[in-house]
């Protein structure tokens, strides 16, 4: 499986959440509301996981820079 282009990959969590909100709002059936909530949850989870990973990458880079620039 190939990777998604950046212009599509980055907004995916927001698209999930937006479609979930639209779905939950427009469908009056219980199944439609549950589907909307699941899409919203998926968007929040994906966004949170990406955020955590990017913060960890930043921390690793900072630690690596400190080791390189620290005089011995």
N, C-alpha and C. Protein backbone atom coordinates (compact mmCIF):
# COMPACT_ATOMS: atom_id res chain seq x y z
N UNK A 1 0.84 -1.18 0.00
CA UNK A 1 0.00 0.00 0.00
C UNK A 1 0.89 1.24 0.00
N UNK A 2 0.59 2.18 -0.86
CA UNK A 2 1.38 3.39 -0.96
C UNK A 2 0.98 4.41 0.09
N UNK A 3 1.77 5.46 0.15
CA UNK A 3 1.47 6.52 1.10
C UNK A 3 0.57 7.56 0.45
N UNK A 4 -0.15 8.27 1.28
CA UNK A 4 -1.03 9.33 0.79
C UNK A 4 -0.22 10.61 0.58
N UNK A 5 -0.62 11.43 -0.38
CA UNK A 5 0.06 12.72 -0.54
C UNK A 5 -0.20 13.59 0.69
N UNK A 6 0.74 14.45 0.99
CA UNK A 6 0.68 15.28 2.19
C UNK A 6 -0.58 16.15 2.24
N UNK A 7 -1.03 16.65 1.10
CA UNK A 7 -2.21 17.51 1.06
C UNK A 7 -3.47 16.76 1.49
N UNK A 8 -3.46 15.43 1.37
CA UNK A 8 -4.59 14.62 1.80
C UNK A 8 -4.37 14.06 3.20
N UNK A 9 -3.14 13.68 3.49
CA UNK A 9 -2.83 13.04 4.77
C UNK A 9 -3.04 13.97 5.96
N UNK A 10 -2.59 15.19 5.87
CA UNK A 10 -2.65 16.11 7.00
C UNK A 10 -4.07 16.47 7.44
N UNK A 11 -4.99 16.77 6.54
CA UNK A 11 -6.33 17.16 7.00
C UNK A 11 -7.26 15.98 7.31
N UNK A 12 -6.81 14.73 7.17
CA UNK A 12 -7.71 13.59 7.38
C UNK A 12 -8.43 13.58 8.72
N UNK A 13 -7.77 13.82 9.85
CA UNK A 13 -8.51 13.82 11.12
C UNK A 13 -9.63 14.87 11.15
N UNK A 14 -9.38 16.02 10.55
CA UNK A 14 -10.40 17.06 10.52
C UNK A 14 -11.55 16.67 9.59
N UNK A 15 -11.21 15.99 8.50
CA UNK A 15 -12.25 15.51 7.59
C UNK A 15 -13.12 14.46 8.30
N UNK A 16 -12.48 13.53 9.02
CA UNK A 16 -13.24 12.53 9.78
C UNK A 16 -14.21 13.21 10.73
N UNK A 17 -13.71 14.16 11.49
CA UNK A 17 -14.55 14.84 12.49
C UNK A 17 -15.67 15.63 11.81
N UNK A 18 -15.36 16.33 10.74
CA UNK A 18 -16.38 17.12 10.04
C UNK A 18 -17.47 16.23 9.46
N UNK A 19 -17.08 15.15 8.82
CA UNK A 19 -18.07 14.22 8.27
C UNK A 19 -18.89 13.60 9.40
N UNK A 20 -18.24 13.31 10.52
CA UNK A 20 -18.95 12.78 11.68
C UNK A 20 -19.98 13.75 12.22
N UNK A 21 -19.63 15.02 12.30
CA UNK A 21 -20.57 16.04 12.78
C UNK A 21 -21.75 16.16 11.82
N UNK A 22 -21.45 16.21 10.53
CA UNK A 22 -22.51 16.31 9.53
C UNK A 22 -23.42 15.08 9.60
N UNK A 23 -22.82 13.90 9.73
CA UNK A 23 -23.60 12.67 9.80
C UNK A 23 -24.47 12.64 11.04
N UNK A 24 -23.91 12.94 12.18
CA UNK A 24 -24.68 12.90 13.43
C UNK A 24 -25.80 13.94 13.42
N UNK A 25 -25.56 15.05 12.80
CA UNK A 25 -26.57 16.12 12.77
C UNK A 25 -27.71 15.82 11.79
N UNK A 26 -27.37 15.26 10.64
CA UNK A 26 -28.36 15.08 9.58
C UNK A 26 -29.14 13.78 9.65
N UNK A 27 -28.60 12.75 10.26
CA UNK A 27 -29.30 11.48 10.32
C UNK A 27 -29.99 11.34 11.67
N UNK A 28 -31.29 11.18 11.63
CA UNK A 28 -32.07 11.09 12.86
C UNK A 28 -32.11 9.68 13.44
N UNK A 29 -31.72 8.70 12.66
CA UNK A 29 -31.73 7.33 13.16
C UNK A 29 -30.60 7.13 14.17
N UNK A 30 -30.80 6.21 15.08
CA UNK A 30 -29.79 5.93 16.11
C UNK A 30 -28.48 5.46 15.47
N UNK A 31 -28.58 4.62 14.45
CA UNK A 31 -27.38 4.12 13.78
C UNK A 31 -26.59 5.26 13.13
N UNK A 32 -27.30 6.24 12.57
CA UNK A 32 -26.63 7.40 11.98
C UNK A 32 -25.90 8.23 13.02
N UNK A 33 -26.53 8.41 14.16
CA UNK A 33 -25.89 9.18 15.25
C UNK A 33 -24.66 8.45 15.77
N UNK A 34 -24.78 7.14 15.94
CA UNK A 34 -23.64 6.34 16.42
C UNK A 34 -22.50 6.41 15.41
N UNK A 35 -22.83 6.30 14.12
CA UNK A 35 -21.80 6.39 13.07
C UNK A 35 -21.10 7.74 13.10
N UNK A 36 -21.88 8.80 13.28
CA UNK A 36 -21.29 10.13 13.38
C UNK A 36 -20.36 10.26 14.57
N UNK A 37 -20.78 9.73 15.71
CA UNK A 37 -19.93 9.78 16.90
C UNK A 37 -18.66 8.96 16.73
N UNK A 38 -18.77 7.83 16.03
CA UNK A 38 -17.57 7.02 15.77
C UNK A 38 -16.60 7.76 14.86
N UNK A 39 -17.12 8.45 13.85
CA UNK A 39 -16.24 9.22 12.97
C UNK A 39 -15.57 10.37 13.72
N UNK A 40 -16.33 11.04 14.57
CA UNK A 40 -15.75 12.12 15.37
C UNK A 40 -14.66 11.56 16.28
N UNK A 41 -14.94 10.43 16.92
CA UNK A 41 -13.95 9.79 17.80
C UNK A 41 -12.70 9.39 17.03
N UNK A 42 -12.88 8.84 15.83
CA UNK A 42 -11.73 8.46 15.00
C UNK A 42 -10.87 9.67 14.68
N UNK A 43 -11.51 10.78 14.33
CA UNK A 43 -10.76 12.00 14.02
C UNK A 43 -9.96 12.50 15.21
N UNK A 44 -10.59 12.49 16.39
CA UNK A 44 -9.91 12.95 17.61
C UNK A 44 -8.75 12.03 17.95
N UNK A 45 -8.97 10.73 17.85
CA UNK A 45 -7.91 9.77 18.18
C UNK A 45 -6.73 9.89 17.23
N UNK A 46 -7.01 9.97 15.94
CA UNK A 46 -5.92 10.10 14.95
C UNK A 46 -5.15 11.40 15.19
N UNK A 47 -5.86 12.50 15.43
CA UNK A 47 -5.19 13.78 15.69
C UNK A 47 -4.32 13.68 16.94
N UNK A 48 -4.84 13.08 18.00
CA UNK A 48 -4.09 12.96 19.25
C UNK A 48 -2.85 12.09 19.09
N UNK A 49 -2.98 10.97 18.39
CA UNK A 49 -1.82 10.10 18.17
C UNK A 49 -0.74 10.80 17.35
N UNK A 50 -1.14 11.53 16.32
CA UNK A 50 -0.16 12.28 15.53
C UNK A 50 0.52 13.35 16.38
N UNK A 51 -0.26 14.04 17.19
CA UNK A 51 0.29 15.09 18.06
C UNK A 51 1.32 14.49 19.03
N UNK A 52 0.96 13.39 19.68
CA UNK A 52 1.89 12.75 20.61
C UNK A 52 3.17 12.32 19.91
N UNK A 53 3.04 11.71 18.74
CA UNK A 53 4.22 11.26 18.01
C UNK A 53 5.12 12.42 17.62
N UNK A 54 4.52 13.50 17.15
CA UNK A 54 5.32 14.66 16.74
C UNK A 54 6.02 15.31 17.93
N UNK A 55 5.37 15.32 19.09
CA UNK A 55 6.01 15.86 20.29
C UNK A 55 7.19 14.99 20.70
N UNK A 56 7.03 13.68 20.59
CA UNK A 56 8.13 12.77 20.93
C UNK A 56 9.31 12.94 19.97
N UNK A 57 9.02 13.13 18.69
CA UNK A 57 10.09 13.36 17.71
C UNK A 57 10.84 14.64 18.05
N UNK A 58 10.11 15.70 18.43
CA UNK A 58 10.76 16.96 18.82
C UNK A 58 11.65 16.76 20.04
N UNK A 59 11.15 16.01 21.03
CA UNK A 59 11.96 15.76 22.24
C UNK A 59 13.23 15.01 21.90
N UNK A 60 13.13 14.01 21.03
CA UNK A 60 14.31 13.24 20.64
C UNK A 60 15.33 14.13 19.94
N UNK A 61 14.85 15.00 19.05
CA UNK A 61 15.77 15.91 18.34
C UNK A 61 16.47 16.84 19.32
N UNK A 62 15.71 17.35 20.30
CA UNK A 62 16.31 18.25 21.30
C UNK A 62 17.37 17.52 22.11
N UNK A 63 17.06 16.30 22.55
CA UNK A 63 18.05 15.53 23.31
C UNK A 63 19.30 15.27 22.49
N UNK A 64 19.10 14.94 21.21
CA UNK A 64 20.23 14.66 20.34
C UNK A 64 21.08 15.92 20.14
N UNK A 65 20.42 17.07 19.96
CA UNK A 65 21.15 18.33 19.81
C UNK A 65 21.95 18.66 21.07
N UNK A 66 21.36 18.44 22.23
CA UNK A 66 22.05 18.73 23.48
C UNK A 66 23.29 17.88 23.63
N UNK A 67 23.19 16.59 23.25
CA UNK A 67 24.36 15.71 23.34
C UNK A 67 25.46 16.16 22.39
N UNK A 68 25.07 16.63 21.21
CA UNK A 68 26.06 17.05 20.22
C UNK A 68 26.72 18.35 20.63
N UNK A 69 25.95 19.30 21.16
CA UNK A 69 26.51 20.62 21.47
C UNK A 69 27.08 20.73 22.88
N UNK A 70 26.87 19.74 23.73
CA UNK A 70 27.41 19.81 25.08
C UNK A 70 28.91 19.55 25.06
N UNK A 71 29.73 20.49 25.59
CA UNK A 71 31.17 20.28 25.62
C UNK A 71 31.55 19.22 26.64
N UNK A 72 32.58 18.48 26.32
CA UNK A 72 33.04 17.42 27.23
C UNK A 72 34.25 17.84 27.98
